[in-house]
N, C-alpha and C. Protein backbone atom coordinates (compact mmCIF):
# COMPACT_ATOMS: atom_id res chain seq x y z
N MET A 1 0.87 -1.17 0.00
CA MET A 1 0.00 0.00 0.00
C MET A 1 0.90 1.22 0.00
N GLU A 2 0.93 1.91 -1.09
CA GLU A 2 1.84 3.04 -1.25
C GLU A 2 1.34 4.28 -0.53
N ASN A 3 0.07 4.53 -0.59
CA ASN A 3 -0.51 5.72 0.02
C ASN A 3 -1.23 5.35 1.31
N THR A 4 -1.45 6.36 2.14
CA THR A 4 -2.25 6.15 3.33
C THR A 4 -3.67 5.82 2.88
N PRO A 5 -4.23 4.73 3.40
CA PRO A 5 -5.58 4.36 2.96
C PRO A 5 -6.61 5.40 3.37
N GLN A 6 -7.62 5.51 2.57
CA GLN A 6 -8.74 6.39 2.85
C GLN A 6 -9.92 5.53 3.30
N PHE A 7 -10.71 6.07 4.19
CA PHE A 7 -11.87 5.37 4.72
C PHE A 7 -13.10 6.24 4.58
N ARG A 8 -14.24 5.59 4.54
CA ARG A 8 -15.49 6.32 4.66
C ARG A 8 -16.53 5.39 5.25
N LEU A 9 -17.46 5.99 5.99
CA LEU A 9 -18.56 5.22 6.56
C LEU A 9 -19.63 5.01 5.50
N GLY A 10 -20.31 3.88 5.58
CA GLY A 10 -21.37 3.57 4.64
C GLY A 10 -22.57 4.48 4.83
N MET A 11 -23.25 4.73 3.73
CA MET A 11 -24.46 5.55 3.69
C MET A 11 -25.60 4.70 3.12
N PRO A 12 -26.84 5.12 3.31
CA PRO A 12 -27.96 4.32 2.80
C PRO A 12 -27.84 3.98 1.31
N GLU A 13 -27.30 4.89 0.52
CA GLU A 13 -27.16 4.62 -0.91
C GLU A 13 -26.11 3.55 -1.21
N ASP A 14 -25.33 3.15 -0.21
CA ASP A 14 -24.33 2.09 -0.37
C ASP A 14 -24.91 0.70 -0.14
N THR A 15 -26.18 0.60 0.17
CA THR A 15 -26.77 -0.69 0.53
C THR A 15 -26.51 -1.77 -0.52
N PRO A 16 -26.66 -1.51 -1.83
CA PRO A 16 -26.35 -2.57 -2.81
C PRO A 16 -24.88 -3.01 -2.73
N LEU A 17 -23.98 -2.08 -2.50
CA LEU A 17 -22.56 -2.41 -2.39
C LEU A 17 -22.30 -3.23 -1.12
N ILE A 18 -22.95 -2.88 -0.04
CA ILE A 18 -22.80 -3.64 1.21
C ILE A 18 -23.25 -5.08 1.00
N LEU A 19 -24.40 -5.26 0.36
CA LEU A 19 -24.89 -6.61 0.09
C LEU A 19 -23.90 -7.36 -0.80
N HIS A 20 -23.33 -6.69 -1.77
CA HIS A 20 -22.35 -7.32 -2.65
C HIS A 20 -21.14 -7.81 -1.85
N PHE A 21 -20.62 -6.97 -0.95
CA PHE A 21 -19.49 -7.38 -0.12
C PHE A 21 -19.87 -8.59 0.75
N ILE A 22 -21.06 -8.59 1.31
CA ILE A 22 -21.52 -9.71 2.13
C ILE A 22 -21.56 -10.99 1.30
N GLN A 23 -22.08 -10.89 0.08
CA GLN A 23 -22.15 -12.05 -0.79
C GLN A 23 -20.77 -12.55 -1.19
N GLU A 24 -19.84 -11.64 -1.42
CA GLU A 24 -18.47 -12.04 -1.75
C GLU A 24 -17.81 -12.74 -0.57
N LEU A 25 -18.02 -12.22 0.64
CA LEU A 25 -17.48 -12.86 1.84
C LEU A 25 -18.08 -14.25 2.00
N ALA A 26 -19.40 -14.37 1.82
CA ALA A 26 -20.06 -15.67 1.95
C ALA A 26 -19.50 -16.67 0.93
N ALA A 27 -19.23 -16.23 -0.28
CA ALA A 27 -18.65 -17.12 -1.29
C ALA A 27 -17.26 -17.58 -0.84
N TYR A 28 -16.46 -16.67 -0.31
CA TYR A 28 -15.13 -17.02 0.19
C TYR A 28 -15.22 -18.05 1.31
N GLU A 29 -16.22 -17.90 2.18
CA GLU A 29 -16.40 -18.81 3.31
C GLU A 29 -17.22 -20.05 2.95
N LYS A 30 -17.58 -20.19 1.67
CA LYS A 30 -18.38 -21.31 1.18
C LYS A 30 -19.72 -21.40 1.93
N MET A 31 -20.34 -20.23 2.14
CA MET A 31 -21.59 -20.16 2.89
C MET A 31 -22.64 -19.34 2.13
N GLU A 32 -22.55 -19.33 0.80
CA GLU A 32 -23.46 -18.51 0.00
C GLU A 32 -24.93 -18.78 0.30
N VAL A 33 -25.27 -20.06 0.52
CA VAL A 33 -26.68 -20.41 0.73
C VAL A 33 -27.23 -19.84 2.03
N GLU A 34 -26.35 -19.40 2.92
CA GLU A 34 -26.81 -18.86 4.20
C GLU A 34 -27.18 -17.38 4.13
N VAL A 35 -26.83 -16.72 3.04
CA VAL A 35 -27.13 -15.29 2.92
C VAL A 35 -28.58 -15.13 2.49
N VAL A 36 -29.40 -14.64 3.42
CA VAL A 36 -30.80 -14.34 3.12
C VAL A 36 -31.05 -12.83 3.21
N ALA A 37 -30.02 -12.08 3.53
CA ALA A 37 -30.14 -10.63 3.61
C ALA A 37 -30.53 -10.06 2.25
N THR A 38 -31.32 -9.01 2.28
CA THR A 38 -31.70 -8.28 1.07
C THR A 38 -31.32 -6.82 1.27
N GLU A 39 -31.34 -6.08 0.19
CA GLU A 39 -31.07 -4.64 0.31
C GLU A 39 -32.05 -4.00 1.28
N GLU A 40 -33.31 -4.39 1.20
CA GLU A 40 -34.33 -3.81 2.07
C GLU A 40 -34.03 -4.08 3.54
N LEU A 41 -33.68 -5.33 3.85
CA LEU A 41 -33.36 -5.67 5.24
C LEU A 41 -32.13 -4.91 5.73
N LEU A 42 -31.10 -4.87 4.91
CA LEU A 42 -29.88 -4.17 5.30
C LEU A 42 -30.14 -2.68 5.52
N ARG A 43 -30.89 -2.07 4.61
CA ARG A 43 -31.20 -0.65 4.75
C ARG A 43 -31.97 -0.39 6.05
N GLU A 44 -32.92 -1.25 6.34
CA GLU A 44 -33.73 -1.10 7.56
C GLU A 44 -32.86 -1.23 8.82
N TRP A 45 -32.08 -2.32 8.91
CA TRP A 45 -31.37 -2.63 10.15
C TRP A 45 -30.09 -1.82 10.33
N ILE A 46 -29.41 -1.52 9.24
CA ILE A 46 -28.17 -0.73 9.38
C ILE A 46 -28.46 0.75 9.48
N PHE A 47 -29.31 1.26 8.60
CA PHE A 47 -29.47 2.71 8.52
C PHE A 47 -30.70 3.25 9.22
N GLU A 48 -31.83 2.57 9.11
CA GLU A 48 -33.03 3.08 9.77
C GLU A 48 -33.02 2.78 11.27
N LYS A 49 -32.73 1.54 11.63
CA LYS A 49 -32.69 1.17 13.04
C LYS A 49 -31.32 1.40 13.67
N GLN A 50 -30.33 1.70 12.85
CA GLN A 50 -28.96 2.01 13.29
C GLN A 50 -28.40 0.93 14.22
N LYS A 51 -28.50 -0.32 13.79
CA LYS A 51 -28.01 -1.45 14.59
C LYS A 51 -26.60 -1.87 14.20
N ALA A 52 -26.06 -1.33 13.12
CA ALA A 52 -24.69 -1.66 12.70
C ALA A 52 -24.16 -0.50 11.88
N GLU A 53 -22.86 -0.54 11.65
CA GLU A 53 -22.20 0.47 10.83
C GLU A 53 -21.29 -0.23 9.84
N VAL A 54 -20.98 0.46 8.76
CA VAL A 54 -20.09 -0.09 7.74
C VAL A 54 -18.97 0.90 7.50
N LEU A 55 -17.76 0.37 7.42
CA LEU A 55 -16.58 1.16 7.11
C LEU A 55 -15.98 0.60 5.83
N PHE A 56 -15.76 1.47 4.85
CA PHE A 56 -15.12 1.07 3.60
C PHE A 56 -13.68 1.57 3.59
N VAL A 57 -12.79 0.79 2.98
CA VAL A 57 -11.44 1.25 2.69
C VAL A 57 -11.39 1.46 1.18
N LEU A 58 -10.77 2.57 0.79
CA LEU A 58 -10.77 2.99 -0.62
C LEU A 58 -9.38 2.93 -1.23
N GLU A 59 -9.35 2.55 -2.49
CA GLU A 59 -8.13 2.65 -3.29
C GLU A 59 -8.48 3.50 -4.50
N GLU A 60 -7.82 4.63 -4.62
CA GLU A 60 -8.08 5.57 -5.72
C GLU A 60 -9.56 5.89 -5.84
N GLY A 61 -10.20 6.08 -4.68
CA GLY A 61 -11.60 6.48 -4.64
C GLY A 61 -12.60 5.35 -4.77
N ALA A 62 -12.14 4.11 -4.99
CA ALA A 62 -13.05 2.97 -5.15
C ALA A 62 -12.99 2.09 -3.90
N GLU A 63 -14.14 1.59 -3.50
CA GLU A 63 -14.23 0.72 -2.33
C GLU A 63 -13.62 -0.65 -2.67
N VAL A 64 -12.59 -1.03 -1.92
CA VAL A 64 -11.92 -2.32 -2.17
C VAL A 64 -12.06 -3.28 -1.00
N GLY A 65 -12.60 -2.81 0.10
CA GLY A 65 -12.81 -3.65 1.27
C GLY A 65 -13.82 -3.01 2.19
N PHE A 66 -14.35 -3.83 3.11
CA PHE A 66 -15.33 -3.28 4.05
C PHE A 66 -15.26 -4.01 5.37
N ALA A 67 -15.76 -3.36 6.38
CA ALA A 67 -15.94 -3.94 7.70
C ALA A 67 -17.33 -3.54 8.18
N LEU A 68 -18.09 -4.51 8.66
CA LEU A 68 -19.40 -4.24 9.25
C LEU A 68 -19.25 -4.52 10.73
N PHE A 69 -19.64 -3.55 11.56
CA PHE A 69 -19.42 -3.65 13.00
C PHE A 69 -20.58 -3.03 13.76
N PHE A 70 -20.63 -3.34 15.05
CA PHE A 70 -21.66 -2.77 15.92
C PHE A 70 -21.15 -2.79 17.35
N HIS A 71 -21.86 -2.08 18.21
CA HIS A 71 -21.49 -2.06 19.63
C HIS A 71 -22.06 -3.27 20.34
N ASN A 72 -21.25 -3.82 21.24
CA ASN A 72 -21.73 -4.80 22.20
C ASN A 72 -21.43 -4.22 23.58
N PHE A 73 -21.58 -5.01 24.62
CA PHE A 73 -21.36 -4.46 25.96
C PHE A 73 -20.69 -5.50 26.84
N SER A 74 -19.71 -5.06 27.61
CA SER A 74 -19.04 -5.91 28.58
C SER A 74 -19.43 -5.48 29.98
N THR A 75 -20.12 -6.35 30.68
CA THR A 75 -20.48 -6.02 32.07
C THR A 75 -19.23 -5.97 32.94
N PHE A 76 -18.24 -6.81 32.65
CA PHE A 76 -17.02 -6.81 33.45
C PHE A 76 -16.24 -5.52 33.28
N LEU A 77 -16.20 -4.99 32.05
CA LEU A 77 -15.51 -3.73 31.81
C LEU A 77 -16.40 -2.53 32.13
N GLY A 78 -17.71 -2.76 32.15
CA GLY A 78 -18.64 -1.67 32.43
C GLY A 78 -18.76 -0.68 31.30
N ARG A 79 -18.46 -1.12 30.11
CA ARG A 79 -18.52 -0.23 28.95
C ARG A 79 -18.74 -1.03 27.67
N ALA A 80 -19.06 -0.31 26.62
CA ALA A 80 -19.28 -0.93 25.32
C ALA A 80 -17.97 -1.36 24.69
N GLY A 81 -18.10 -2.26 23.75
CA GLY A 81 -17.00 -2.66 22.89
C GLY A 81 -17.48 -2.59 21.46
N LEU A 82 -16.58 -2.84 20.53
CA LEU A 82 -16.97 -2.97 19.12
C LEU A 82 -16.84 -4.43 18.74
N TYR A 83 -17.85 -4.92 18.04
CA TYR A 83 -17.83 -6.27 17.52
C TYR A 83 -17.75 -6.17 16.00
N LEU A 84 -16.74 -6.78 15.45
CA LEU A 84 -16.54 -6.83 14.00
C LEU A 84 -17.26 -8.06 13.46
N GLU A 85 -18.34 -7.85 12.74
CA GLU A 85 -19.12 -8.96 12.19
C GLU A 85 -18.49 -9.47 10.90
N ASP A 86 -18.14 -8.58 10.01
CA ASP A 86 -17.59 -8.97 8.71
C ASP A 86 -16.40 -8.09 8.35
N LEU A 87 -15.39 -8.72 7.78
CA LEU A 87 -14.23 -8.01 7.22
C LEU A 87 -13.92 -8.70 5.91
N PHE A 88 -13.85 -7.92 4.83
CA PHE A 88 -13.58 -8.52 3.53
C PHE A 88 -12.86 -7.50 2.65
N VAL A 89 -11.82 -7.97 1.99
CA VAL A 89 -11.10 -7.19 1.00
C VAL A 89 -11.13 -8.01 -0.29
N TYR A 90 -11.44 -7.36 -1.40
CA TYR A 90 -11.46 -8.07 -2.67
C TYR A 90 -10.13 -8.80 -2.88
N PRO A 91 -10.16 -10.04 -3.37
CA PRO A 91 -8.93 -10.82 -3.54
C PRO A 91 -7.83 -10.10 -4.31
N GLU A 92 -8.19 -9.38 -5.34
CA GLU A 92 -7.18 -8.69 -6.15
C GLU A 92 -6.53 -7.52 -5.42
N HIS A 93 -7.05 -7.15 -4.27
CA HIS A 93 -6.49 -6.05 -3.48
C HIS A 93 -5.86 -6.53 -2.17
N ARG A 94 -5.80 -7.84 -1.99
CA ARG A 94 -5.19 -8.38 -0.78
C ARG A 94 -3.67 -8.25 -0.86
N GLY A 95 -3.03 -8.27 0.29
CA GLY A 95 -1.58 -8.15 0.34
C GLY A 95 -1.09 -6.72 0.27
N LYS A 96 -2.01 -5.77 0.27
CA LYS A 96 -1.66 -4.35 0.21
C LYS A 96 -1.83 -3.66 1.56
N GLY A 97 -2.24 -4.41 2.57
CA GLY A 97 -2.40 -3.83 3.90
C GLY A 97 -3.77 -3.28 4.20
N TYR A 98 -4.75 -3.53 3.33
CA TYR A 98 -6.08 -2.97 3.55
C TYR A 98 -6.81 -3.63 4.72
N GLY A 99 -6.65 -4.93 4.90
CA GLY A 99 -7.28 -5.60 6.04
C GLY A 99 -6.75 -5.05 7.35
N LYS A 100 -5.43 -4.92 7.43
CA LYS A 100 -4.82 -4.35 8.63
C LYS A 100 -5.27 -2.91 8.83
N ALA A 101 -5.36 -2.16 7.76
CA ALA A 101 -5.79 -0.77 7.85
C ALA A 101 -7.23 -0.68 8.38
N LEU A 102 -8.11 -1.57 7.92
CA LEU A 102 -9.48 -1.57 8.42
C LEU A 102 -9.52 -1.87 9.90
N ILE A 103 -8.77 -2.86 10.35
CA ILE A 103 -8.79 -3.20 11.78
C ILE A 103 -8.17 -2.07 12.60
N ARG A 104 -7.11 -1.46 12.10
CA ARG A 104 -6.51 -0.34 12.82
C ARG A 104 -7.51 0.82 12.93
N GLU A 105 -8.25 1.08 11.86
CA GLU A 105 -9.24 2.15 11.90
C GLU A 105 -10.37 1.81 12.87
N LEU A 106 -10.79 0.55 12.91
CA LEU A 106 -11.80 0.13 13.88
C LEU A 106 -11.27 0.28 15.30
N ALA A 107 -9.99 -0.03 15.51
CA ALA A 107 -9.40 0.16 16.84
C ALA A 107 -9.42 1.64 17.21
N ARG A 108 -9.13 2.51 16.26
CA ARG A 108 -9.18 3.96 16.54
C ARG A 108 -10.60 4.39 16.89
N ILE A 109 -11.57 3.88 16.14
CA ILE A 109 -12.98 4.20 16.43
C ILE A 109 -13.32 3.74 17.85
N ALA A 110 -12.92 2.52 18.19
CA ALA A 110 -13.21 1.98 19.52
C ALA A 110 -12.58 2.85 20.60
N VAL A 111 -11.32 3.22 20.43
CA VAL A 111 -10.65 4.05 21.43
C VAL A 111 -11.31 5.43 21.51
N ASN A 112 -11.61 6.03 20.37
CA ASN A 112 -12.25 7.35 20.37
C ASN A 112 -13.62 7.34 21.01
N ARG A 113 -14.32 6.22 20.93
CA ARG A 113 -15.65 6.10 21.54
C ARG A 113 -15.58 5.62 22.99
N GLY A 114 -14.39 5.39 23.50
CA GLY A 114 -14.24 4.94 24.88
C GLY A 114 -14.54 3.46 25.08
N CYS A 115 -14.54 2.70 24.03
CA CYS A 115 -14.84 1.27 24.13
C CYS A 115 -13.70 0.53 24.81
N GLY A 116 -14.04 -0.58 25.46
CA GLY A 116 -13.06 -1.35 26.18
C GLY A 116 -12.38 -2.44 25.37
N ARG A 117 -12.95 -2.78 24.20
CA ARG A 117 -12.33 -3.84 23.40
C ARG A 117 -12.91 -3.86 21.99
N LEU A 118 -12.21 -4.57 21.14
CA LEU A 118 -12.63 -4.87 19.77
C LEU A 118 -12.51 -6.37 19.63
N GLU A 119 -13.58 -7.01 19.19
CA GLU A 119 -13.53 -8.47 19.07
C GLU A 119 -14.29 -8.95 17.85
N TRP A 120 -14.03 -10.21 17.48
CA TRP A 120 -14.65 -10.82 16.32
C TRP A 120 -14.49 -12.33 16.41
N TRP A 121 -15.20 -13.04 15.54
CA TRP A 121 -15.07 -14.48 15.41
C TRP A 121 -14.31 -14.77 14.12
N CYS A 122 -13.69 -15.94 14.07
CA CYS A 122 -13.02 -16.39 12.85
C CYS A 122 -13.27 -17.89 12.72
N LEU A 123 -13.57 -18.32 11.53
CA LEU A 123 -13.79 -19.75 11.29
C LEU A 123 -12.51 -20.53 11.58
N ASP A 124 -12.66 -21.68 12.22
CA ASP A 124 -11.51 -22.49 12.63
C ASP A 124 -10.63 -22.91 11.46
N TRP A 125 -11.22 -23.12 10.28
CA TRP A 125 -10.44 -23.58 9.13
C TRP A 125 -9.68 -22.46 8.43
N ASN A 126 -9.97 -21.21 8.78
CA ASN A 126 -9.42 -20.08 8.04
C ASN A 126 -8.03 -19.69 8.60
N GLN A 127 -7.07 -20.55 8.39
CA GLN A 127 -5.73 -20.35 8.95
C GLN A 127 -5.07 -19.05 8.47
N PRO A 128 -5.22 -18.66 7.19
CA PRO A 128 -4.62 -17.38 6.79
C PRO A 128 -5.13 -16.20 7.62
N SER A 129 -6.43 -16.18 7.90
CA SER A 129 -6.99 -15.10 8.72
C SER A 129 -6.54 -15.22 10.17
N ILE A 130 -6.49 -16.44 10.68
CA ILE A 130 -6.03 -16.64 12.06
C ILE A 130 -4.60 -16.12 12.20
N ASN A 131 -3.74 -16.47 11.24
CA ASN A 131 -2.36 -15.99 11.28
C ASN A 131 -2.31 -14.46 11.22
N PHE A 132 -3.13 -13.88 10.35
CA PHE A 132 -3.19 -12.43 10.21
C PHE A 132 -3.62 -11.78 11.52
N TYR A 133 -4.68 -12.29 12.14
CA TYR A 133 -5.17 -11.70 13.38
C TYR A 133 -4.14 -11.83 14.50
N ARG A 134 -3.49 -12.97 14.58
CA ARG A 134 -2.45 -13.15 15.59
C ARG A 134 -1.30 -12.16 15.37
N SER A 135 -0.98 -11.88 14.10
CA SER A 135 0.11 -10.94 13.80
C SER A 135 -0.21 -9.53 14.29
N LEU A 136 -1.49 -9.24 14.47
CA LEU A 136 -1.93 -7.93 14.97
C LEU A 136 -1.94 -7.88 16.49
N GLY A 137 -1.68 -9.01 17.13
CA GLY A 137 -1.73 -9.07 18.59
C GLY A 137 -3.04 -9.59 19.13
N ALA A 138 -3.95 -10.00 18.25
CA ALA A 138 -5.23 -10.54 18.70
C ALA A 138 -5.01 -11.91 19.36
N VAL A 139 -5.81 -12.19 20.36
CA VAL A 139 -5.68 -13.43 21.13
C VAL A 139 -6.96 -14.25 20.95
N PRO A 140 -6.84 -15.52 20.55
CA PRO A 140 -8.04 -16.35 20.43
C PRO A 140 -8.61 -16.66 21.81
N MET A 141 -9.91 -16.71 21.89
CA MET A 141 -10.60 -16.98 23.15
C MET A 141 -10.94 -18.48 23.19
N ASP A 142 -9.91 -19.30 23.30
CA ASP A 142 -10.06 -20.75 23.21
C ASP A 142 -10.94 -21.34 24.31
N GLU A 143 -11.05 -20.66 25.43
CA GLU A 143 -11.81 -21.22 26.54
C GLU A 143 -13.31 -20.94 26.43
N TRP A 144 -13.74 -20.27 25.37
CA TRP A 144 -15.15 -19.94 25.18
C TRP A 144 -15.72 -20.75 24.03
N THR A 145 -16.99 -21.12 24.15
CA THR A 145 -17.72 -21.78 23.08
C THR A 145 -18.87 -20.88 22.68
N VAL A 146 -19.02 -20.66 21.39
CA VAL A 146 -20.11 -19.83 20.88
C VAL A 146 -21.36 -20.68 20.77
N PHE A 147 -22.46 -20.19 21.31
CA PHE A 147 -23.76 -20.85 21.19
C PHE A 147 -24.68 -19.96 20.36
N ARG A 148 -25.59 -20.60 19.64
CA ARG A 148 -26.51 -19.84 18.80
C ARG A 148 -27.87 -20.52 18.80
N VAL A 149 -28.90 -19.71 18.83
CA VAL A 149 -30.27 -20.16 18.62
C VAL A 149 -30.80 -19.30 17.48
N ALA A 150 -31.30 -19.95 16.43
CA ALA A 150 -31.76 -19.20 15.26
C ALA A 150 -32.93 -19.93 14.60
N GLY A 151 -33.56 -19.26 13.65
CA GLY A 151 -34.61 -19.87 12.85
C GLY A 151 -35.76 -20.40 13.67
N GLU A 152 -36.19 -21.61 13.33
CA GLU A 152 -37.33 -22.22 14.01
C GLU A 152 -37.05 -22.46 15.49
N THR A 153 -35.82 -22.81 15.83
CA THR A 153 -35.48 -23.03 17.23
C THR A 153 -35.66 -21.74 18.02
N LEU A 154 -35.26 -20.62 17.45
CA LEU A 154 -35.45 -19.34 18.10
C LEU A 154 -36.94 -19.04 18.31
N LYS A 155 -37.72 -19.29 17.29
CA LYS A 155 -39.17 -19.05 17.40
C LYS A 155 -39.79 -19.94 18.47
N GLN A 156 -39.39 -21.21 18.51
CA GLN A 156 -39.93 -22.14 19.50
C GLN A 156 -39.53 -21.70 20.91
N LEU A 157 -38.29 -21.27 21.07
CA LEU A 157 -37.82 -20.83 22.38
C LEU A 157 -38.59 -19.60 22.85
N ALA A 158 -38.99 -18.76 21.93
CA ALA A 158 -39.71 -17.53 22.27
C ALA A 158 -41.16 -17.79 22.67
N GLU A 159 -41.68 -18.94 22.33
CA GLU A 159 -43.09 -19.25 22.64
C GLU A 159 -43.31 -19.50 24.12
């Protein structure tokens, strides 16, 4: 990366681009069939309900990567944190430092907002990403197991 990367936050008119990045990430993770998000849903939940934010990294004015994140909360720290849901850089733009730049910018956002931490999940098979995250000083939370209730199970539990 020859120049300092430029960033911008996503706007409602970026919704088709956000969905495109999500679909590209899902293809990389071999999880395309799991993407049921639509432009309408993303616009509603990201921009109208303000439940998440999107950060783009730009190369010569064009979006080449994105991060979708939102606030979570740590009762032990007594403050919010940032949770990185998605990070994706187009394959042809990898190796230029854009992924690291996105995480560094998210860390700056977290610090500027007074957050106590920045965290994310990574698929166990994704060794290149695991190596990358470790190179940044990130520590895997091996002693924790992620649990999820979704779909019909979620509906049944709510009854």
